[in-house]
N, C-alpha and C. Protein backbone atom coordinates (compact mmCIF):
# COMPACT_ATOMS: atom_id res chain seq x y z
N MET A 1 97.83 89.70 109.32
CA MET A 1 99.18 89.66 108.30
C MET A 1 99.63 90.49 107.55
N ASP A 2 98.40 91.67 107.41
CA ASP A 2 99.02 92.89 106.89
C ASP A 2 98.30 94.26 107.57
N GLU A 3 99.01 95.20 108.05
CA GLU A 3 98.37 95.93 108.47
C GLU A 3 98.14 97.56 108.22
N ARG A 4 97.93 97.26 106.87
CA ARG A 4 98.26 98.82 106.06
C ARG A 4 96.85 99.13 105.80
N GLU A 5 96.71 100.28 105.58
CA GLU A 5 95.49 100.87 105.25
C GLU A 5 94.47 100.14 104.32
N HIS A 6 93.52 100.26 104.68
CA HIS A 6 92.60 98.98 104.06
C HIS A 6 92.06 99.76 102.45
N VAL A 7 92.27 98.81 101.40
CA VAL A 7 91.78 99.47 99.91
C VAL A 7 90.85 98.29 100.10
N PRO A 8 89.42 99.36 99.71
CA PRO A 8 87.99 98.67 99.43
C PRO A 8 88.05 97.73 98.08
N LEU A 9 86.86 96.95 97.96
CA LEU A 9 86.74 96.68 96.50
C LEU A 9 86.60 97.66 95.30
N LEU A 10 87.83 97.11 94.45
CA LEU A 10 88.30 97.82 93.22
C LEU A 10 87.74 97.01 92.28
N SER A 11 86.95 97.66 91.11
CA SER A 11 86.78 97.53 89.83
C SER A 11 86.40 98.50 89.03
N VAL A 12 87.70 98.44 87.95
CA VAL A 12 87.71 98.98 86.98
C VAL A 12 87.61 98.83 85.87
N ARG A 13 86.34 99.57 85.01
CA ARG A 13 86.20 98.21 83.48
C ARG A 13 85.70 100.08 82.78
N ARG A 14 86.00 99.67 81.62
CA ARG A 14 85.69 100.84 80.76
C ARG A 14 84.79 100.48 79.53
N PHE A 15 83.55 101.28 79.32
CA PHE A 15 82.30 100.94 78.64
C PHE A 15 82.66 101.40 77.40
N GLU A 16 82.24 100.90 76.40
CA GLU A 16 82.15 101.14 74.89
C GLU A 16 80.76 101.18 74.25
N LYS A 17 80.12 102.01 73.70
CA LYS A 17 79.01 102.04 72.79
C LYS A 17 79.22 101.56 71.89
N HIS A 18 77.81 100.93 71.18
CA HIS A 18 78.14 100.44 69.52
C HIS A 18 76.83 100.35 69.25
N ILE A 19 76.36 101.20 68.01
CA ILE A 19 74.96 101.15 67.65
C ILE A 19 75.12 100.00 66.29
N ASN A 20 74.08 98.77 66.91
CA ASN A 20 74.59 98.27 65.86
C ASN A 20 73.02 98.09 64.36
N PRO A 21 73.15 97.34 63.01
CA PRO A 21 72.39 97.93 62.13
C PRO A 21 70.84 98.43 62.67
N SER A 22 70.42 97.54 63.68
CA SER A 22 69.36 98.19 64.31
C SER A 22 68.77 98.72 64.98
N GLY A 23 69.87 99.74 65.06
CA GLY A 23 69.56 101.07 65.83
C GLY A 23 69.70 100.70 67.64
N THR A 24 69.94 99.45 67.74
CA THR A 24 69.58 99.52 69.21
C THR A 24 71.46 99.62 69.84
N ILE A 25 71.70 100.03 70.93
CA ILE A 25 72.54 100.70 71.36
C ILE A 25 73.25 99.42 72.10
N GLN A 26 74.46 98.82 72.12
CA GLN A 26 75.13 97.91 72.94
C GLN A 26 76.19 98.34 73.51
N THR A 27 76.06 98.16 74.65
CA THR A 27 77.38 98.45 75.26
C THR A 27 78.39 97.05 75.38
N TYR A 28 79.51 97.24 75.55
CA TYR A 28 80.56 96.61 75.64
C TYR A 28 81.59 96.50 76.68
N ILE A 29 82.12 95.51 77.72
CA ILE A 29 83.46 96.09 78.43
C ILE A 29 84.73 95.88 77.75
N LYS A 30 85.36 96.27 77.92
CA LYS A 30 86.61 96.54 77.09
C LYS A 30 88.00 96.62 77.54
N ASN A 31 88.86 95.66 77.79
CA ASN A 31 89.94 95.76 78.40
C ASN A 31 89.69 95.84 80.08
N SER A 32 88.54 95.04 80.66
CA SER A 32 88.58 94.96 81.78
C SER A 32 89.25 94.60 82.71
N ILE A 33 89.46 95.09 83.68
CA ILE A 33 90.17 94.56 84.91
C ILE A 33 89.45 94.94 86.07
N ILE A 34 89.32 93.41 86.68
CA ILE A 34 88.55 93.67 87.84
C ILE A 34 89.45 93.07 89.57
N LYS A 35 89.40 93.62 90.23
CA LYS A 35 90.41 93.39 91.66
C LYS A 35 89.06 93.21 92.35
N MET A 36 89.44 92.13 92.97
CA MET A 36 88.26 91.54 93.88
C MET A 36 89.16 91.67 95.71
N THR A 37 88.08 91.74 96.64
CA THR A 37 88.78 91.83 97.85
C THR A 37 87.35 91.14 98.24
N HIS A 38 87.46 90.45 99.50
CA HIS A 38 86.53 89.45 100.17
C HIS A 38 86.74 89.95 101.93
N GLU A 39 85.57 90.68 102.78
CA GLU A 39 86.25 90.91 103.69
C GLU A 39 84.80 89.81 104.30
N ILE A 40 85.84 89.06 105.28
CA ILE A 40 85.17 88.07 105.78
C ILE A 40 85.03 88.03 107.55
N ILE A 41 84.00 87.78 107.99
CA ILE A 41 83.92 87.51 109.69
C ILE A 41 82.86 86.26 109.71
N ILE A 42 83.99 85.05 110.80
CA ILE A 42 83.35 83.79 110.87
C ILE A 42 83.55 83.93 112.14
N ALA A 43 82.45 84.06 113.09
CA ALA A 43 81.84 84.00 114.26
C ALA A 43 81.07 82.74 115.21
N GLY A 44 81.46 82.35 116.62
CA GLY A 44 80.66 81.40 117.08
C GLY A 44 81.12 81.02 118.28
N PHE A 45 80.79 79.97 119.17
CA PHE A 45 81.57 79.32 119.91
C PHE A 45 82.97 79.14 120.11
N GLY A 46 83.94 79.67 121.13
CA GLY A 46 84.75 78.28 120.73
C GLY A 46 84.98 77.31 121.03
N GLY A 47 85.57 76.48 120.44
CA GLY A 47 85.80 74.80 120.24
C GLY A 47 84.90 74.37 119.23
N GLN A 48 84.11 75.52 118.33
CA GLN A 48 83.54 74.77 116.83
C GLN A 48 84.87 75.20 115.66
N GLY A 49 85.66 75.59 116.51
CA GLY A 49 86.74 75.66 114.67
C GLY A 49 86.45 77.09 114.33
N VAL A 50 86.35 77.89 114.56
CA VAL A 50 86.07 79.31 113.91
C VAL A 50 87.46 79.57 113.97
N LEU A 51 88.39 80.32 114.42
CA LEU A 51 89.41 80.58 114.48
C LEU A 51 90.39 79.63 113.51
N SER A 52 90.07 78.36 113.40
CA SER A 52 91.38 77.86 112.52
C SER A 52 90.72 77.62 111.37
N MET A 53 89.60 78.00 111.10
CA MET A 53 88.86 77.92 109.65
C MET A 53 88.97 79.01 108.88
N GLY A 54 89.31 80.56 110.09
CA GLY A 54 89.83 81.56 109.40
C GLY A 54 91.33 81.42 108.79
N LYS A 55 91.84 81.50 109.58
CA LYS A 55 93.45 80.20 109.49
C LYS A 55 93.68 79.48 108.45
N ILE A 56 92.96 78.41 107.99
CA ILE A 56 93.27 77.97 106.78
C ILE A 56 92.81 78.44 105.43
N LEU A 57 91.56 79.34 105.66
CA LEU A 57 91.14 80.45 104.45
C LEU A 57 92.36 81.38 104.38
N ALA A 58 93.14 82.11 105.09
CA ALA A 58 93.92 82.87 104.87
C ALA A 58 95.22 82.05 104.58
N TYR A 59 95.52 80.79 104.74
CA TYR A 59 96.47 80.03 104.35
C TYR A 59 96.43 79.97 102.77
N SER A 60 95.00 79.77 102.66
CA SER A 60 94.98 79.46 101.48
C SER A 60 94.89 80.06 100.06
N GLY A 61 94.16 81.37 100.82
CA GLY A 61 94.70 82.86 100.23
C GLY A 61 96.22 82.94 99.61
N LEU A 62 97.09 82.83 100.69
CA LEU A 62 98.19 82.70 100.10
C LEU A 62 98.56 82.02 99.20
N MET A 63 98.26 80.71 99.52
CA MET A 63 98.58 79.74 98.17
C MET A 63 98.22 80.45 96.92
N ASP A 64 96.69 80.99 96.87
CA ASP A 64 96.72 81.23 95.69
C ASP A 64 97.12 82.86 95.55
N GLY A 65 97.98 83.34 96.05
CA GLY A 65 99.11 84.51 95.70
C GLY A 65 98.20 86.04 95.90
N LYS A 66 97.60 85.93 96.99
CA LYS A 66 96.82 86.80 97.37
C LYS A 66 96.63 87.63 98.76
N GLU A 67 96.78 88.63 98.87
CA GLU A 67 97.26 89.33 99.92
C GLU A 67 95.95 89.40 101.15
N VAL A 68 96.47 88.98 102.47
CA VAL A 68 95.56 88.24 103.45
C VAL A 68 95.61 88.76 104.88
N SER A 69 94.90 88.82 105.69
CA SER A 69 94.92 89.45 106.73
C SER A 69 93.97 88.16 107.86
N TRP A 70 94.51 87.96 108.93
CA TRP A 70 93.53 87.29 109.70
C TRP A 70 93.88 87.71 111.06
N MET A 71 92.54 88.30 112.06
CA MET A 71 92.68 88.96 112.89
C MET A 71 91.77 87.92 114.02
N PRO A 72 91.89 87.08 114.93
CA PRO A 72 91.24 86.59 115.61
C PRO A 72 90.36 87.61 117.16
N SER A 73 89.68 87.10 117.83
CA SER A 73 89.14 88.03 118.89
C SER A 73 87.88 86.49 119.57
N TYR A 74 88.62 86.58 120.81
CA TYR A 74 87.53 85.55 121.68
C TYR A 74 88.02 86.40 123.22
N GLY A 75 87.05 85.42 123.99
CA GLY A 75 86.73 85.65 125.34
C GLY A 75 87.99 85.38 126.12
N PRO A 76 88.20 85.21 127.63
CA PRO A 76 89.09 84.67 128.35
C PRO A 76 88.72 82.76 127.97
N GLU A 77 87.46 82.56 128.03
CA GLU A 77 87.04 81.41 128.18
C GLU A 77 86.79 80.90 126.52
N GLN A 78 87.82 80.45 126.04
CA GLN A 78 87.82 80.15 124.61
C GLN A 78 87.07 79.07 124.17
N ARG A 79 86.76 77.99 124.65
CA ARG A 79 85.91 76.43 124.91
C ARG A 79 84.62 77.23 125.31
N GLY A 80 83.56 77.41 124.75
CA GLY A 80 82.10 77.51 124.94
C GLY A 80 81.82 79.31 124.85
N GLY A 81 82.85 80.24 125.48
CA GLY A 81 82.93 80.97 124.94
C GLY A 81 82.55 81.91 123.72
N THR A 82 82.21 83.08 123.11
CA THR A 82 82.14 83.58 121.93
C THR A 82 83.35 83.64 121.43
N ALA A 83 83.86 83.50 120.08
CA ALA A 83 85.14 83.91 119.34
C ALA A 83 84.71 84.09 117.93
N ASN A 84 85.09 84.98 117.67
CA ASN A 84 85.18 85.09 116.04
C ASN A 84 86.48 85.97 115.25
N VAL A 85 87.03 85.77 113.81
CA VAL A 85 87.95 85.89 113.50
C VAL A 85 87.61 86.52 111.87
N THR A 86 88.50 87.67 111.53
CA THR A 86 87.86 88.56 110.49
C THR A 86 88.98 88.18 109.50
N VAL A 87 88.65 87.56 108.45
CA VAL A 87 89.72 87.03 107.49
C VAL A 87 89.23 88.20 106.09
N ILE A 88 90.24 88.79 105.69
CA ILE A 88 90.36 89.73 104.42
C ILE A 88 91.04 88.90 103.61
N LEU A 89 90.51 88.59 102.05
CA LEU A 89 91.83 88.10 101.19
C LEU A 89 91.33 88.76 99.71
N SER A 90 92.40 89.42 99.28
CA SER A 90 92.67 90.88 97.92
C SER A 90 93.55 90.26 97.38
N ASP A 91 93.05 91.11 95.85
CA ASP A 91 94.33 91.49 94.75
C ASP A 91 95.18 92.46 95.43
N GLU A 92 94.81 93.14 96.24
CA GLU A 92 95.16 94.46 96.27
C GLU A 92 95.49 94.17 97.60
N ARG A 93 96.67 95.12 98.18
CA ARG A 93 97.36 95.30 99.45
C ARG A 93 96.23 95.86 100.40
N ILE A 94 96.27 94.97 101.53
CA ILE A 94 95.70 95.68 102.86
C ILE A 94 96.00 96.52 103.77
N SER A 95 94.89 97.36 104.06
CA SER A 95 95.62 98.36 105.23
C SER A 95 95.07 98.13 105.99
N SER A 96 94.13 97.62 106.83
CA SER A 96 93.75 97.19 108.50
C SER A 96 92.87 96.26 108.47
N PRO A 97 93.56 95.71 109.32
CA PRO A 97 92.20 94.14 109.61
C PRO A 97 91.02 94.64 110.48
N ILE A 98 90.89 95.48 110.50
CA ILE A 98 90.05 95.98 111.14
C ILE A 98 88.58 96.82 110.58
N LEU A 99 87.55 96.07 110.41
CA LEU A 99 86.41 96.28 109.63
C LEU A 99 85.24 96.57 110.62
N ASN A 100 84.44 97.44 110.22
CA ASN A 100 83.28 97.96 110.88
C ASN A 100 81.84 96.92 109.90
N GLU A 101 82.02 96.81 108.69
CA GLU A 101 81.27 95.99 108.08
C GLU A 101 81.81 94.52 107.31
N TYR A 102 80.81 93.73 106.71
CA TYR A 102 81.81 92.91 106.32
C TYR A 102 80.85 92.22 104.53
N ASP A 103 81.76 91.66 103.51
CA ASP A 103 80.95 91.06 102.55
C ASP A 103 80.08 89.65 103.04
N ILE A 104 80.93 89.44 103.58
CA ILE A 104 80.16 87.90 104.21
C ILE A 104 80.21 87.72 105.61
N ALA A 105 79.26 87.03 106.22
CA ALA A 105 79.47 86.68 107.52
C ALA A 105 79.07 85.41 107.83
N ILE A 106 79.79 84.66 108.51
CA ILE A 106 79.50 83.17 108.47
C ILE A 106 79.10 82.55 110.40
N ILE A 107 78.08 82.42 110.63
CA ILE A 107 77.19 82.67 111.90
C ILE A 107 77.06 81.51 112.07
N LEU A 108 77.66 81.04 113.55
CA LEU A 108 77.45 79.39 113.96
C LEU A 108 76.44 79.39 115.51
N ASN A 109 76.38 80.56 115.59
CA ASN A 109 75.42 80.85 117.14
C ASN A 109 74.47 81.85 117.32
N GLN A 110 73.93 81.95 118.10
CA GLN A 110 72.88 83.20 118.41
C GLN A 110 73.82 84.77 118.91
N PRO A 111 74.45 84.52 119.72
CA PRO A 111 74.83 85.52 120.35
C PRO A 111 75.88 86.72 118.94
N SER A 112 76.60 85.46 118.21
CA SER A 112 77.40 86.17 117.15
C SER A 112 76.19 86.70 115.89
N MET A 113 74.96 85.97 115.94
CA MET A 113 74.06 86.59 114.77
C MET A 113 73.04 87.55 115.48
N ASP A 114 73.33 88.21 116.59
CA ASP A 114 72.68 89.31 117.17
C ASP A 114 73.65 90.56 116.93
N LYS A 115 74.84 89.87 117.34
CA LYS A 115 76.04 90.89 116.93
C LYS A 115 76.31 91.23 115.63
N PHE A 116 76.57 90.42 114.66
CA PHE A 116 77.04 90.54 113.59
C PHE A 116 75.44 90.97 112.23
N GLU A 117 74.87 90.33 112.12
CA GLU A 117 74.24 90.39 111.16
C GLU A 117 73.35 91.43 111.06
N SER A 118 73.36 92.72 111.30
CA SER A 118 73.37 94.09 110.96
C SER A 118 74.44 94.80 110.26
N ARG A 119 75.55 93.92 110.63
CA ARG A 119 77.24 94.64 109.63
C ARG A 119 77.18 93.81 108.83
N VAL A 120 76.56 93.38 107.81
CA VAL A 120 76.88 92.83 106.40
C VAL A 120 76.15 93.69 105.68
N LYS A 121 77.61 94.14 104.81
CA LYS A 121 77.18 94.89 104.01
C LYS A 121 75.65 95.28 102.94
N LYS A 122 74.84 95.56 102.59
CA LYS A 122 73.85 95.42 101.61
C LYS A 122 74.45 94.53 100.57
N GLY A 123 73.59 93.52 100.11
CA GLY A 123 73.86 92.89 99.01
C GLY A 123 74.94 91.85 99.47
N GLY A 124 75.17 92.03 100.79
CA GLY A 124 76.40 90.73 100.98
C GLY A 124 75.80 89.25 101.26
N ILE A 125 76.70 88.84 101.82
CA ILE A 125 76.02 87.12 101.92
C ILE A 125 75.85 87.18 103.24
N LEU A 126 75.26 86.07 103.98
CA LEU A 126 75.58 85.76 105.25
C LEU A 126 74.76 83.85 105.35
N ILE A 127 75.93 83.24 105.71
CA ILE A 127 75.50 81.66 105.79
C ILE A 127 75.49 81.32 107.49
N TYR A 128 74.80 80.67 107.72
CA TYR A 128 74.33 80.50 109.27
C TYR A 128 74.23 78.59 108.95
N ASP A 129 74.41 77.92 110.72
CA ASP A 129 74.30 77.04 110.82
C ASP A 129 73.14 76.76 111.49
N SER A 130 71.88 75.98 111.18
CA SER A 130 70.34 76.59 112.17
C SER A 130 70.20 75.89 113.34
N TYR A 131 71.52 75.31 113.48
CA TYR A 131 71.51 74.36 114.91
C TYR A 131 71.77 75.55 116.00
N GLY A 132 72.59 75.96 115.45
CA GLY A 132 72.71 77.37 116.81
C GLY A 132 72.38 78.50 116.45
N ILE A 133 70.91 78.99 115.78
CA ILE A 133 69.69 79.89 115.43
C ILE A 133 68.52 79.55 116.31
N HIS A 134 68.24 80.61 117.10
CA HIS A 134 66.80 80.42 117.36
C HIS A 134 66.01 81.72 117.25
N LYS A 135 65.96 82.36 116.23
CA LYS A 135 65.74 83.64 116.39
C LYS A 135 65.10 83.91 114.86
N PRO A 136 64.46 84.45 113.85
CA PRO A 136 64.24 84.68 112.52
C PRO A 136 65.58 85.58 112.11
N LEU A 137 65.89 85.70 111.10
CA LEU A 137 66.90 86.70 110.66
C LEU A 137 66.11 87.93 110.30
N LYS A 138 66.38 88.90 110.63
CA LYS A 138 65.69 90.56 109.85
C LYS A 138 66.08 91.09 108.81
N ARG A 139 67.43 90.48 108.15
CA ARG A 139 67.53 91.27 106.84
C ARG A 139 66.81 90.61 105.99
N ASP A 140 66.55 91.57 104.73
CA ASP A 140 66.06 91.05 103.53
C ASP A 140 66.86 91.76 102.25
N ASP A 141 67.90 92.50 102.47
CA ASP A 141 68.80 93.01 101.52
C ASP A 141 69.81 92.41 101.60
N ILE A 142 70.36 90.93 101.99
CA ILE A 142 71.29 90.11 101.48
C ILE A 142 70.95 88.71 101.18
N ASP A 143 71.98 88.28 100.77
CA ASP A 143 71.52 86.73 100.48
C ASP A 143 71.98 85.80 101.38
N ILE A 144 70.71 85.35 101.85
CA ILE A 144 71.25 84.14 103.27
C ILE A 144 71.25 82.88 102.46
N TYR A 145 71.57 82.26 103.08
CA TYR A 145 72.30 80.86 103.35
C TYR A 145 72.45 79.70 104.37
N SER A 146 71.61 78.84 104.15
CA SER A 146 71.97 77.87 105.62
C SER A 146 72.44 76.37 105.44
N ILE A 147 73.00 76.22 105.96
CA ILE A 147 74.16 74.77 106.23
C ILE A 147 74.21 74.54 107.37
N ASN A 148 73.63 72.97 107.14
CA ASN A 148 72.78 72.15 108.13
C ASN A 148 74.29 71.14 108.77
N ALA A 149 75.38 71.92 108.98
CA ALA A 149 76.60 71.38 109.44
C ALA A 149 77.03 70.71 110.51
N MET A 150 76.44 70.96 111.47
CA MET A 150 76.63 70.23 113.01
C MET A 150 75.83 69.09 112.96
N ASP A 151 74.44 68.66 112.50
CA ASP A 151 73.61 67.66 111.97
C ASP A 151 74.44 66.71 111.54
N THR A 152 75.25 67.40 109.85
CA THR A 152 76.26 66.49 108.96
C THR A 152 76.76 65.51 110.11
N ALA A 153 77.30 66.86 110.46
CA ALA A 153 79.16 65.95 111.57
C ALA A 153 78.17 65.00 112.03
N THR A 154 77.43 65.44 113.01
CA THR A 154 77.29 64.33 113.77
C THR A 154 76.68 62.76 113.25
N GLU A 155 75.49 63.27 112.25
CA GLU A 155 75.05 62.05 111.14
C GLU A 155 76.10 61.42 110.88
N LEU A 156 77.05 61.54 110.69
CA LEU A 156 78.36 60.91 109.31
C LEU A 156 79.66 60.74 110.47
N ASN A 157 78.98 60.70 111.89
CA ASN A 157 80.60 61.05 112.48
C ASN A 157 81.66 61.80 112.27
N MET A 158 81.51 62.91 111.90
CA MET A 158 82.40 64.07 111.59
C MET A 158 82.62 64.75 112.33
N SER A 159 82.32 64.62 113.58
CA SER A 159 82.28 66.66 114.40
C SER A 159 83.80 66.94 114.59
N LYS A 160 84.41 66.15 114.35
CA LYS A 160 86.42 67.00 114.13
C LYS A 160 86.17 67.74 113.15
N THR A 161 85.64 67.47 111.97
CA THR A 161 85.45 68.27 110.58
C THR A 161 84.14 69.22 110.33
N PHE A 162 83.85 69.52 111.67
CA PHE A 162 82.14 70.57 111.49
C PHE A 162 82.98 71.99 110.77
N ASN A 163 83.87 72.40 111.33
CA ASN A 163 84.11 73.87 110.60
C ASN A 163 84.93 73.59 109.30
N MET A 164 85.02 72.25 108.52
CA MET A 164 85.50 72.41 107.15
C MET A 164 83.81 71.76 106.31
N ILE A 165 82.95 71.16 107.15
CA ILE A 165 81.58 71.04 106.27
C ILE A 165 81.17 73.09 105.91
N VAL A 166 81.25 73.58 107.00
CA VAL A 166 81.01 75.22 107.10
C VAL A 166 81.62 76.07 105.81
N LEU A 167 83.37 75.86 105.76
CA LEU A 167 83.74 76.08 105.03
C LEU A 167 83.59 75.64 103.32
N GLY A 168 83.31 74.39 103.29
CA GLY A 168 83.16 74.36 101.59
C GLY A 168 81.50 74.69 101.39
N GLY A 169 80.72 74.67 102.57
CA GLY A 169 79.47 75.54 102.00
C GLY A 169 80.01 76.92 101.62
N LEU A 170 80.62 77.42 101.93
CA LEU A 170 81.26 79.24 101.89
C LEU A 170 81.52 79.70 100.08
N LEU A 171 82.96 77.80 100.17
CA LEU A 171 83.14 77.79 98.68
C LEU A 171 82.82 77.73 98.07
N LYS A 172 81.37 77.04 97.97
CA LYS A 172 80.71 76.33 97.21
C LYS A 172 80.03 78.01 96.33
N ILE A 173 79.58 79.23 97.11
CA ILE A 173 78.77 80.19 97.17
C ILE A 173 79.62 81.28 96.39
N VAL A 174 80.92 81.43 97.37
CA VAL A 174 82.05 81.81 96.69
C VAL A 174 83.17 81.27 96.48
N PRO A 175 83.93 81.02 95.55
CA PRO A 175 84.91 79.90 95.10
C PRO A 175 86.12 81.18 95.06
N MET A 176 86.65 81.76 96.47
CA MET A 176 87.27 82.99 96.52
C MET A 176 88.78 81.94 96.52
N VAL A 177 89.03 80.74 97.01
CA VAL A 177 90.10 80.11 96.82
C VAL A 177 89.71 78.39 96.32
N SER A 178 91.11 77.43 95.63
CA SER A 178 90.96 76.67 94.88
C SER A 178 90.69 75.46 96.19
N LEU A 179 89.79 74.38 95.85
CA LEU A 179 90.25 73.40 96.82
C LEU A 179 91.58 72.97 97.09
N GLU A 180 92.69 73.02 96.03
CA GLU A 180 93.99 72.72 96.45
C GLU A 180 94.78 73.65 97.12
N SER A 181 94.22 75.01 97.03
CA SER A 181 95.30 75.52 97.95
C SER A 181 94.74 75.41 99.83
N VAL A 182 93.34 74.96 99.75
CA VAL A 182 92.86 74.75 100.94
C VAL A 182 93.61 73.69 101.72
N MET A 183 93.74 72.18 100.98
CA MET A 183 94.40 71.58 101.24
C MET A 183 95.64 71.80 101.72
N ASN A 184 96.07 72.15 100.86
CA ASN A 184 98.07 72.58 101.08
C ASN A 184 97.79 73.42 102.50
N GLY A 185 97.06 74.54 102.73
CA GLY A 185 96.81 75.40 103.80
C GLY A 185 96.35 74.81 105.09
N LEU A 186 95.68 73.50 104.90
CA LEU A 186 95.23 72.39 105.74
C LEU A 186 97.10 72.08 106.07
N LYS A 187 97.72 71.38 105.29
CA LYS A 187 99.02 71.17 105.77
C LYS A 187 99.79 72.11 107.00
N LYS A 188 99.58 73.46 106.37
CA LYS A 188 100.63 74.32 107.51
C LYS A 188 99.20 74.53 108.68
N THR A 189 98.85 74.27 108.62
CA THR A 189 98.14 74.22 110.02
C THR A 189 97.93 72.78 111.16
N LEU A 190 98.19 71.59 110.24
CA LEU A 190 97.52 70.30 111.06
C LEU A 190 99.66 69.75 111.35
N PRO A 191 99.42 69.46 112.72
CA PRO A 191 100.79 68.91 112.76
C PRO A 191 100.99 67.68 112.02
N GLU A 192 102.11 67.45 111.38
CA GLU A 192 102.38 66.04 110.42
C GLU A 192 101.71 65.16 111.29
N ARG A 193 101.99 64.70 112.34
CA ARG A 193 101.15 63.46 112.78
C ARG A 193 99.72 63.14 112.53
N HIS A 194 98.92 64.83 111.98
CA HIS A 194 97.58 64.51 111.43
C HIS A 194 97.29 64.34 110.16
N TYR A 195 98.38 64.56 109.19
CA TYR A 195 98.41 64.62 107.73
C TYR A 195 97.30 63.12 107.83
N LYS A 196 97.07 62.23 108.44
CA LYS A 196 95.86 61.14 108.04
C LYS A 196 94.92 61.33 107.98
N LEU A 197 94.59 62.63 108.81
CA LEU A 197 93.05 63.23 108.65
C LEU A 197 92.69 64.36 107.35
N LEU A 198 93.90 64.42 106.55
CA LEU A 198 93.67 65.40 105.62
C LEU A 198 92.35 64.71 104.69
N PRO A 199 92.42 63.75 104.26
CA PRO A 199 91.26 62.96 103.41
C PRO A 199 90.01 63.03 103.98
N ALA A 200 89.55 63.04 105.38
CA ALA A 200 88.55 63.00 106.16
C ALA A 200 88.02 64.80 105.91
N ASN A 201 88.96 65.81 106.19
CA ASN A 201 88.85 66.87 105.89
C ASN A 201 88.61 67.16 104.24
N GLU A 202 88.88 66.75 103.24
CA GLU A 202 88.62 66.86 102.10
C GLU A 202 87.24 66.34 101.80
N GLU A 203 86.57 65.52 102.25
CA GLU A 203 85.67 65.21 102.37
C GLU A 203 84.51 65.75 102.64
N ALA A 204 85.04 66.23 104.13
CA ALA A 204 83.98 67.22 104.82
C ALA A 204 83.62 68.87 103.89
N ILE A 205 84.38 68.94 103.30
CA ILE A 205 84.33 70.57 102.19
C ILE A 205 83.60 69.96 101.59
N ARG A 206 83.99 68.73 100.92
CA ARG A 206 83.22 68.64 99.66
C ARG A 206 81.45 68.35 99.75
N LYS A 207 81.27 67.78 101.01
CA LYS A 207 80.10 67.68 101.76
C LYS A 207 79.48 68.88 102.29
N GLY A 208 80.11 70.08 102.98
CA GLY A 208 79.39 71.18 102.75
C GLY A 208 79.08 71.41 101.48
N MET A 209 80.04 71.63 100.47
CA MET A 209 79.48 72.17 99.08
C MET A 209 78.08 71.55 98.60
N GLU A 210 77.87 70.37 99.24
CA GLU A 210 76.51 69.62 98.77
C GLU A 210 75.51 70.03 99.25
N ILE A 211 75.69 70.30 100.81
CA ILE A 211 74.53 70.54 101.26
C ILE A 211 73.52 72.15 101.59
N ILE A 212 74.54 73.19 101.73
CA ILE A 212 74.39 74.62 101.62
C ILE A 212 73.23 74.56 100.57
N GLN A 213 72.39 75.27 101.22
CA GLN A 213 71.23 75.86 100.40
C GLN A 213 71.03 77.31 100.69
N LYS A 214 70.41 78.00 99.81
CA LYS A 214 69.22 79.29 100.27
C LYS A 214 68.12 79.47 100.56
N THR A 215 68.12 80.28 101.50
CA THR A 215 66.72 80.34 102.00
C THR A 215 65.60 81.58 102.08
């Protein structure tokens, strides 16, 4: 949605030191200004709602007044083939939607894990649904979370909201947008005749927040 040159995570802080009566040096952050950027890849099979999840996240960012970029990628056979979408949410202007590394990766199948696990930045976050992952993860320098979204969606007869369960897990770990904005974003992506599905989608988001866990 924005094709300008990418602006990385910006954190501007002014530190002041103060020696207290005991002689200990204390450091304070004064006039702190922190600008946040989240660079996200969501990847899985076509038909899992990967692209729509990214679109809802992007719309939610717009609702919260952020700069956003949404760039999908998929093969000729969307359903059953691999698909991924890059989403950037930022407090600053975004230059380019094309990234080589990501702050956050949401991985929903093994081919995507093979491709993107190594491209999560050191200290970043990887969220995966264990239903689609068959090999042990290799990274030990990132935070890894699992979410049993597929099993939960099947058990609760919520298969059509599988991607919202995953989105809920993301927002539990990194609350980058408000739930209110997500629901408004859903309204932007759903035809009006499907507004009756909004409560089920909100329930799925909240369920995802409950079941995600760090591995």
